[in-house]
PDB file of N, CA and C in Angstrom:
ATOM      1  N   MET A   1      -1.206  26.536  -5.634  1.00  0.00           N
ATOM      2  CA  MET A   1      -2.225  26.215  -4.660  1.00  0.00           C
ATOM      3  C   MET A   1      -2.078  24.757  -4.249  1.00  0.00           C
ATOM      4  N   ALA A   2      -2.077  24.486  -2.974  1.00  0.00           N
ATOM      5  CA  ALA A   2      -1.938  23.139  -2.447  1.00  0.00           C
ATOM      6  C   ALA A   2      -3.317  22.522  -2.215  1.00  0.00           C
ATOM      7  N   THR A   3      -3.380  21.204  -2.315  1.00  0.00           N
ATOM      8  CA  THR A   3      -4.610  20.470  -2.056  1.00  0.00           C
ATOM      9  C   THR A   3      -4.330  19.397  -1.026  1.00  0.00           C
ATOM     10  N   GLU A   4      -5.071  19.445   0.083  1.00  0.00           N
ATOM     11  CA  GLU A   4      -4.949  18.406   1.102  1.00  0.00           C
ATOM     12  C   GLU A   4      -5.642  17.153   0.586  1.00  0.00           C
ATOM     13  N   LEU A   5      -4.914  16.050   0.531  1.00  0.00           N
ATOM     14  CA  LEU A   5      -5.486  14.769   0.144  1.00  0.00           C
ATOM     15  C   LEU A   5      -5.823  14.001   1.418  1.00  0.00           C
ATOM     16  N   ARG A   6      -6.408  12.847   1.284  1.00  0.00           N
ATOM     17  CA  ARG A   6      -6.826  12.115   2.479  1.00  0.00           C
ATOM     18  C   ARG A   6      -5.627  11.635   3.288  1.00  0.00           C
ATOM     19  N   THR A   7      -5.842  11.517   4.594  1.00  0.00           N
ATOM     20  CA  THR A   7      -4.848  10.901   5.463  1.00  0.00           C
ATOM     21  C   THR A   7      -4.787   9.431   5.098  1.00  0.00           C
ATOM     22  N   ILE A   8      -3.601   8.862   5.032  1.00  0.00           N
ATOM     23  CA  ILE A   8      -3.466   7.445   4.698  1.00  0.00           C
ATOM     24  C   ILE A   8      -4.152   6.645   5.800  1.00  0.00           C
ATOM     25  N   PRO A   9      -5.130   5.800   5.430  1.00  0.00           N
ATOM     26  CA  PRO A   9      -5.937   5.093   6.436  1.00  0.00           C
ATOM     27  C   PRO A   9      -5.086   4.357   7.477  1.00  0.00           C
ATOM     28  N   THR A  10      -5.537   4.430   8.710  1.00  0.00           N
ATOM     29  CA  THR A  10      -4.939   3.803   9.896  1.00  0.00           C
ATOM     30  C   THR A  10      -3.513   4.268  10.179  1.00  0.00           C
ATOM     31  N   THR A  11      -3.157   5.466   9.708  1.00  0.00           N
ATOM     32  CA  THR A  11      -1.836   6.038   9.982  1.00  0.00           C
ATOM     33  C   THR A  11      -2.006   7.478  10.432  1.00  0.00           C
ATOM     34  N   GLU A  12      -0.918   8.081  10.786  1.00  0.00           N
ATOM     35  CA  GLU A  12      -0.887   9.517  11.092  1.00  0.00           C
ATOM     36  C   GLU A  12      -0.144  10.245   9.972  1.00  0.00           C
ATOM     37  N   ILE A  13      -0.256   9.748   8.736  1.00  0.00           N
ATOM     38  CA  ILE A  13       0.454  10.313   7.591  1.00  0.00           C
ATOM     39  C   ILE A  13      -0.531  11.071   6.710  1.00  0.00           C
ATOM     40  N   THR A  14      -0.272  12.388   6.571  1.00  0.00           N
ATOM     41  CA  THR A  14      -1.122  13.202   5.711  1.00  0.00           C
ATOM     42  C   THR A  14      -0.423  13.436   4.372  1.00  0.00           C
ATOM     43  N   GLN A  15      -1.240  13.750   3.368  1.00  0.00           N
ATOM     44  CA  GLN A  15      -0.735  13.983   2.019  1.00  0.00           C
ATOM     45  C   GLN A  15      -1.190  15.350   1.524  1.00  0.00           C
ATOM     46  N   THR A  16      -0.265  16.073   0.915  1.00  0.00           N
ATOM     47  CA  THR A  16      -0.602  17.367   0.327  1.00  0.00           C
ATOM     48  C   THR A  16      -0.013  17.422  -1.079  1.00  0.00           C
ATOM     49  N   ARG A  17      -0.869  17.679  -2.061  1.00  0.00           N
ATOM     50  CA  ARG A  17      -0.423  17.829  -3.450  1.00  0.00           C
ATOM     51  C   ARG A  17      -0.170  19.306  -3.702  1.00  0.00           C
ATOM     52  N   PHE A  18       0.939  19.607  -4.396  1.00  0.00           N
ATOM     53  CA  PHE A  18       1.259  21.008  -4.691  1.00  0.00           C
ATOM     54  C   PHE A  18       2.086  21.092  -5.964  1.00  0.00           C
ATOM     55  N   PHE A  19       2.169  22.293  -6.521  1.00  0.00           N
ATOM     56  CA  PHE A  19       2.966  22.516  -7.722  1.00  0.00           C
ATOM     57  C   PHE A  19       4.387  22.862  -7.314  1.00  0.00           C
ATOM     58  N   GLY A  20       5.347  22.080  -7.787  1.00  0.00           N
ATOM     59  CA  GLY A  20       6.749  22.259  -7.411  1.00  0.00           C
ATOM     60  C   GLY A  20       7.558  23.080  -8.398  1.00  0.00           C
ATOM     61  N   GLY A  21       6.883  23.797  -9.282  1.00  0.00           N
ATOM     62  CA  GLY A  21       7.591  24.615 -10.257  1.00  0.00           C
ATOM     63  C   GLY A  21       7.666  23.959 -11.617  1.00  0.00           C
ATOM     64  N   GLN A  22       8.144  24.709 -12.574  1.00  0.00           N
ATOM     65  CA  GLN A  22       8.210  24.254 -13.963  1.00  0.00           C
ATOM     66  C   GLN A  22       9.029  22.974 -14.118  1.00  0.00           C
ATOM     67  N   ASP A  23      10.136  22.867 -13.413  1.00  0.00           N
ATOM     68  CA  ASP A  23      11.022  21.708 -13.566  1.00  0.00           C
ATOM     69  C   ASP A  23      10.494  20.449 -12.899  1.00  0.00           C
ATOM     70  N   ARG A  24       9.835  20.590 -11.752  1.00  0.00           N
ATOM     71  CA  ARG A  24       9.412  19.411 -10.994  1.00  0.00           C
ATOM     72  C   ARG A  24       7.946  19.058 -11.177  1.00  0.00           C
ATOM     73  N   GLY A  25       7.126  19.997 -11.568  1.00  0.00           N
ATOM     74  CA  GLY A  25       5.710  19.722 -11.803  1.00  0.00           C
ATOM     75  C   GLY A  25       4.943  19.454 -10.512  1.00  0.00           C
ATOM     76  N   THR A  26       3.882  18.645 -10.620  1.00  0.00           N
ATOM     77  CA  THR A  26       3.055  18.320  -9.465  1.00  0.00           C
ATOM     78  C   THR A  26       3.835  17.430  -8.508  1.00  0.00           C
ATOM     79  N   MET A  27       3.757  17.768  -7.223  1.00  0.00           N
ATOM     80  CA  MET A  27       4.509  17.028  -6.208  1.00  0.00           C
ATOM     81  C   MET A  27       3.584  16.608  -5.075  1.00  0.00           C
ATOM     82  N   LEU A  28       4.100  15.733  -4.223  1.00  0.00           N
ATOM     83  CA  LEU A  28       3.367  15.250  -3.065  1.00  0.00           C
ATOM     84  C   LEU A  28       4.224  15.448  -1.826  1.00  0.00           C
ATOM     85  N   GLN A  29       3.627  16.035  -0.804  1.00  0.00           N
ATOM     86  CA  GLN A  29       4.299  16.118   0.490  1.00  0.00           C
ATOM     87  C   GLN A  29       3.637  15.117   1.424  1.00  0.00           C
ATOM     88  N   LEU A  30       4.451  14.242   2.024  1.00  0.00           N
ATOM     89  CA  LEU A  30       3.972  13.303   3.032  1.00  0.00           C
ATOM     90  C   LEU A  30       4.443  13.806   4.383  1.00  0.00           C
ATOM     91  N   THR A  31       3.512  13.922   5.317  1.00  0.00           N
ATOM     92  CA  THR A  31       3.843  14.432   6.644  1.00  0.00           C
ATOM     93  C   THR A  31       3.424  13.411   7.686  1.00  0.00           C
ATOM     94  N   VAL A  32       4.364  13.047   8.560  1.00  0.00           N
ATOM     95  CA  VAL A  32       4.100  12.105   9.645  1.00  0.00           C
ATOM     96  C   VAL A  32       4.002  12.901  10.938  1.00  0.00           C
ATOM     97  N   HIS A  33       2.871  12.771  11.617  1.00  0.00           N
ATOM     98  CA  HIS A  33       2.651  13.446  12.895  1.00  0.00           C
ATOM     99  C   HIS A  33       2.929  12.458  14.018  1.00  0.00           C
ATOM    100  N   ASP A  34       3.754  12.865  14.979  1.00  0.00           N
ATOM    101  CA  ASP A  34       4.105  11.977  16.081  1.00  0.00           C
ATOM    102  C   ASP A  34       4.341  12.775  17.355  1.00  0.00           C
ATOM    103  N   ARG A  35       3.491  12.601  18.327  1.00  0.00           N
ATOM    104  CA  ARG A  35       3.626  13.235  19.646  1.00  0.00           C
ATOM    105  C   ARG A  35       3.888  14.741  19.578  1.00  0.00           C
ATOM    106  N   GLY A  36       3.119  15.426  18.784  1.00  0.00           N
ATOM    107  CA  GLY A  36       3.222  16.877  18.723  1.00  0.00           C
ATOM    108  C   GLY A  36       4.267  17.420  17.765  1.00  0.00           C
ATOM    109  N   SER A  37       5.061  16.565  17.165  1.00  0.00           N
ATOM    110  CA  SER A  37       6.026  17.031  16.170  1.00  0.00           C
ATOM    111  C   SER A  37       5.702  16.373  14.829  1.00  0.00           C
ATOM    112  N   PHE A  38       6.409  16.789  13.804  1.00  0.00           N
ATOM    113  CA  PHE A  38       6.165  16.197  12.491  1.00  0.00           C
ATOM    114  C   PHE A  38       7.434  16.204  11.659  1.00  0.00           C
ATOM    115  N   GLN A  39       7.468  15.285  10.716  1.00  0.00           N
ATOM    116  CA  GLN A  39       8.528  15.191   9.717  1.00  0.00           C
ATOM    117  C   GLN A  39       7.845  15.085   8.356  1.00  0.00           C
ATOM    118  N   SER A  40       8.448  15.676   7.334  1.00  0.00           N
ATOM    119  CA  SER A  40       7.831  15.586   6.016  1.00  0.00           C
ATOM    120  C   SER A  40       8.883  15.434   4.929  1.00  0.00           C
ATOM    121  N   ILE A  41       8.442  14.856   3.825  1.00  0.00           N
ATOM    122  CA  ILE A  41       9.257  14.778   2.608  1.00  0.00           C
ATOM    123  C   ILE A  41       8.382  15.221   1.447  1.00  0.00           C
ATOM    124  N   SER A  42       9.011  15.748   0.417  1.00  0.00           N
ATOM    125  CA  SER A  42       8.304  16.136  -0.803  1.00  0.00           C
ATOM    126  C   SER A  42       8.918  15.372  -1.956  1.00  0.00           C
ATOM    127  N   ILE A  43       8.048  14.767  -2.787  1.00  0.00           N
ATOM    128  CA  ILE A  43       8.521  13.946  -3.900  1.00  0.00           C
ATOM    129  C   ILE A  43       7.721  14.261  -5.158  1.00  0.00           C
ATOM    130  N   THR A  44       8.377  14.056  -6.300  1.00  0.00           N
ATOM    131  CA  THR A  44       7.718  14.229  -7.597  1.00  0.00           C
ATOM    132  C   THR A  44       6.877  12.995  -7.896  1.00  0.00           C
ATOM    133  N   ARG A  45       6.079  13.058  -8.942  1.00  0.00           N
ATOM    134  CA  ARG A  45       5.276  11.883  -9.341  1.00  0.00           C
ATOM    135  C   ARG A  45       6.187  10.703  -9.695  1.00  0.00           C
ATOM    136  N   ASP A  46       7.270  10.966 -10.404  1.00  0.00           N
ATOM    137  CA  ASP A  46       8.202   9.889 -10.766  1.00  0.00           C
ATOM    138  C   ASP A  46       8.816   9.265  -9.513  1.00  0.00           C
ATOM    139  N   GLN A  47       9.246  10.097  -8.586  1.00  0.00           N
ATOM    140  CA  GLN A  47       9.804   9.573  -7.338  1.00  0.00           C
ATOM    141  C   GLN A  47       8.747   8.792  -6.563  1.00  0.00           C
ATOM    142  N   ALA A  48       7.512   9.263  -6.566  1.00  0.00           N
ATOM    143  CA  ALA A  48       6.430   8.567  -5.866  1.00  0.00           C
ATOM    144  C   ALA A  48       6.236   7.160  -6.432  1.00  0.00           C
ATOM    145  N   ALA A  49       6.314   7.023  -7.745  1.00  0.00           N
ATOM    146  CA  ALA A  49       6.164   5.703  -8.370  1.00  0.00           C
ATOM    147  C   ALA A  49       7.297   4.772  -7.935  1.00  0.00           C
ATOM    148  N   ARG A  50       8.515   5.293  -7.870  1.00  0.00           N
ATOM    149  CA  ARG A  50       9.660   4.482  -7.459  1.00  0.00           C
ATOM    150  C   ARG A  50       9.575   4.103  -5.983  1.00  0.00           C
ATOM    151  N   VAL A  51       9.167   5.059  -5.148  1.00  0.00           N
ATOM    152  CA  VAL A  51       9.006   4.771  -3.722  1.00  0.00           C
ATOM    153  C   VAL A  51       7.910   3.732  -3.515  1.00  0.00           C
ATOM    154  N   ALA A  52       6.810   3.859  -4.255  1.00  0.00           N
ATOM    155  CA  ALA A  52       5.705   2.906  -4.142  1.00  0.00           C
ATOM    156  C   ALA A  52       6.180   1.485  -4.454  1.00  0.00           C
ATOM    157  N   GLN A  53       7.007   1.329  -5.467  1.00  0.00           N
ATOM    158  CA  GLN A  53       7.539   0.005  -5.807  1.00  0.00           C
ATOM    159  C   GLN A  53       8.370  -0.568  -4.668  1.00  0.00           C
ATOM    160  N   GLU A  54       9.221   0.275  -4.081  1.00  0.00           N
ATOM    161  CA  GLU A  54      10.064  -0.179  -2.966  1.00  0.00           C
ATOM    162  C   GLU A  54       9.223  -0.510  -1.733  1.00  0.00           C
ATOM    163  N   LEU A  55       8.188   0.289  -1.476  1.00  0.00           N
ATOM    164  CA  LEU A  55       7.316   0.019  -0.337  1.00  0.00           C
ATOM    165  C   LEU A  55       6.568  -1.296  -0.507  1.00  0.00           C
ATOM    166  N   LEU A  56       6.138  -1.589  -1.728  1.00  0.00           N
ATOM    167  CA  LEU A  56       5.473  -2.870  -1.975  1.00  0.00           C
ATOM    168  C   LEU A  56       6.430  -4.040  -1.781  1.00  0.00           C
ATOM    169  N   LEU A  57       7.679  -3.881  -2.216  1.00  0.00           N
ATOM    170  CA  LEU A  57       8.668  -4.929  -1.962  1.00  0.00           C
ATOM    171  C   LEU A  57       8.804  -5.169  -0.462  1.00  0.00           C
ATOM    172  N   PHE A  58       8.925  -4.090   0.314  1.00  0.00           N
ATOM    173  CA  PHE A  58       9.054  -4.199   1.763  1.00  0.00           C
ATOM    174  C   PHE A  58       7.813  -4.843   2.378  1.00  0.00           C
ATOM    175  N   ALA A  59       6.635  -4.373   1.973  1.00  0.00           N
ATOM    176  CA  ALA A  59       5.379  -4.890   2.525  1.00  0.00           C
ATOM    177  C   ALA A  59       5.225  -6.390   2.281  1.00  0.00           C
ATOM    178  N   ASN A  60       5.768  -6.863   1.175  1.00  0.00           N
ATOM    179  CA  ASN A  60       5.671  -8.279   0.818  1.00  0.00           C
ATOM    180  C   ASN A  60       6.872  -9.098   1.282  1.00  0.00           C
ATOM    181  N   GLY A  61       7.763  -8.485   2.065  1.00  0.00           N
ATOM    182  CA  GLY A  61       8.917  -9.206   2.591  1.00  0.00           C
ATOM    183  C   GLY A  61      10.003  -9.460   1.570  1.00  0.00           C
ATOM    184  N   ASN A  62      10.049  -8.651   0.515  1.00  0.00           N
ATOM    185  CA  ASN A  62      11.019  -8.856  -0.561  1.00  0.00           C
ATOM    186  C   ASN A  62      11.952  -7.662  -0.738  1.00  0.00           C
ATOM    187  N   GLU A  63      12.196  -6.908   0.349  1.00  0.00           N
ATOM    188  CA  GLU A  63      13.041  -5.736   0.238  1.00  0.00           C
ATOM    189  C   GLU A  63      14.448  -6.135  -0.204  1.00  0.00           C
ATOM    190  N   VAL A  64      15.113  -5.230  -0.887  1.00  0.00           N
ATOM    191  CA  VAL A  64      16.439  -5.484  -1.447  1.00  0.00           C
ATOM    192  C   VAL A  64      17.469  -4.684  -0.642  1.00  0.00           C
ATOM    193  N   PRO A  65      18.441  -5.375  -0.007  1.00  0.00           N
ATOM    194  CA  PRO A  65      19.482  -4.654   0.736  1.00  0.00           C
ATOM    195  C   PRO A  65      20.309  -3.777  -0.207  1.00  0.00           C
ATOM    196  N   ASP A  66      20.851  -2.697   0.349  1.00  0.00           N
ATOM    197  CA  ASP A  66      21.670  -1.775  -0.430  1.00  0.00           C
ATOM    198  C   ASP A  66      23.008  -2.391  -0.787  1.00  0.00           C
ATOM    199  N   PHE A  67      23.477  -3.314   0.035  1.00  0.00           N
ATOM    200  CA  PHE A  67      24.766  -3.963  -0.234  1.00  0.00           C
ATOM    201  C   PHE A  67      24.662  -5.416   0.213  1.00  0.00           C
ATOM    202  N   VAL A  68      25.523  -6.225  -0.337  1.00  0.00           N
ATOM    203  CA  VAL A  68      25.558  -7.639   0.016  1.00  0.00           C
ATOM    204  C   VAL A  68      26.866  -7.912   0.759  1.00  0.00           C
ATOM    205  N   GLU A  69      26.754  -8.434   1.989  1.00  0.00           N
ATOM    206  CA  GLU A  69      27.942  -8.750   2.759  1.00  0.00           C
ATOM    207  C   GLU A  69      28.564 -10.026   2.211  1.00  0.00           C
ATOM    208  N   THR A  70      29.888 -10.049   2.154  1.00  0.00           N
ATOM    209  CA  THR A  70      30.595 -11.245   1.731  1.00  0.00           C
ATOM    210  C   THR A  70      31.256 -11.891   2.930  1.00  0.00           C
ATOM    211  N   SER A  71      31.370 -13.193   2.897  1.00  0.00           N
ATOM    212  CA  SER A  71      31.989 -13.906   4.033  1.00  0.00           C
ATOM    213  C   SER A  71      33.478 -13.904   3.958  1.00  0.00           C
TER     214      SER A  71
END
């Protein structure tokens, strides 16, 4: 059974909690609505914690590039 959680304030991003099976456990689906279409991702609680850390780095201007260019 899925549970609709609150829309992230001041965004068009909705959250749905659902059971992803024995191996994945409770999961979160994030859905972005844009001009009549939508995109979504589903993540586990562990993945959500890791994504949250990266989002905070980005929000604070401290994002980490995937690679470092050399001169």
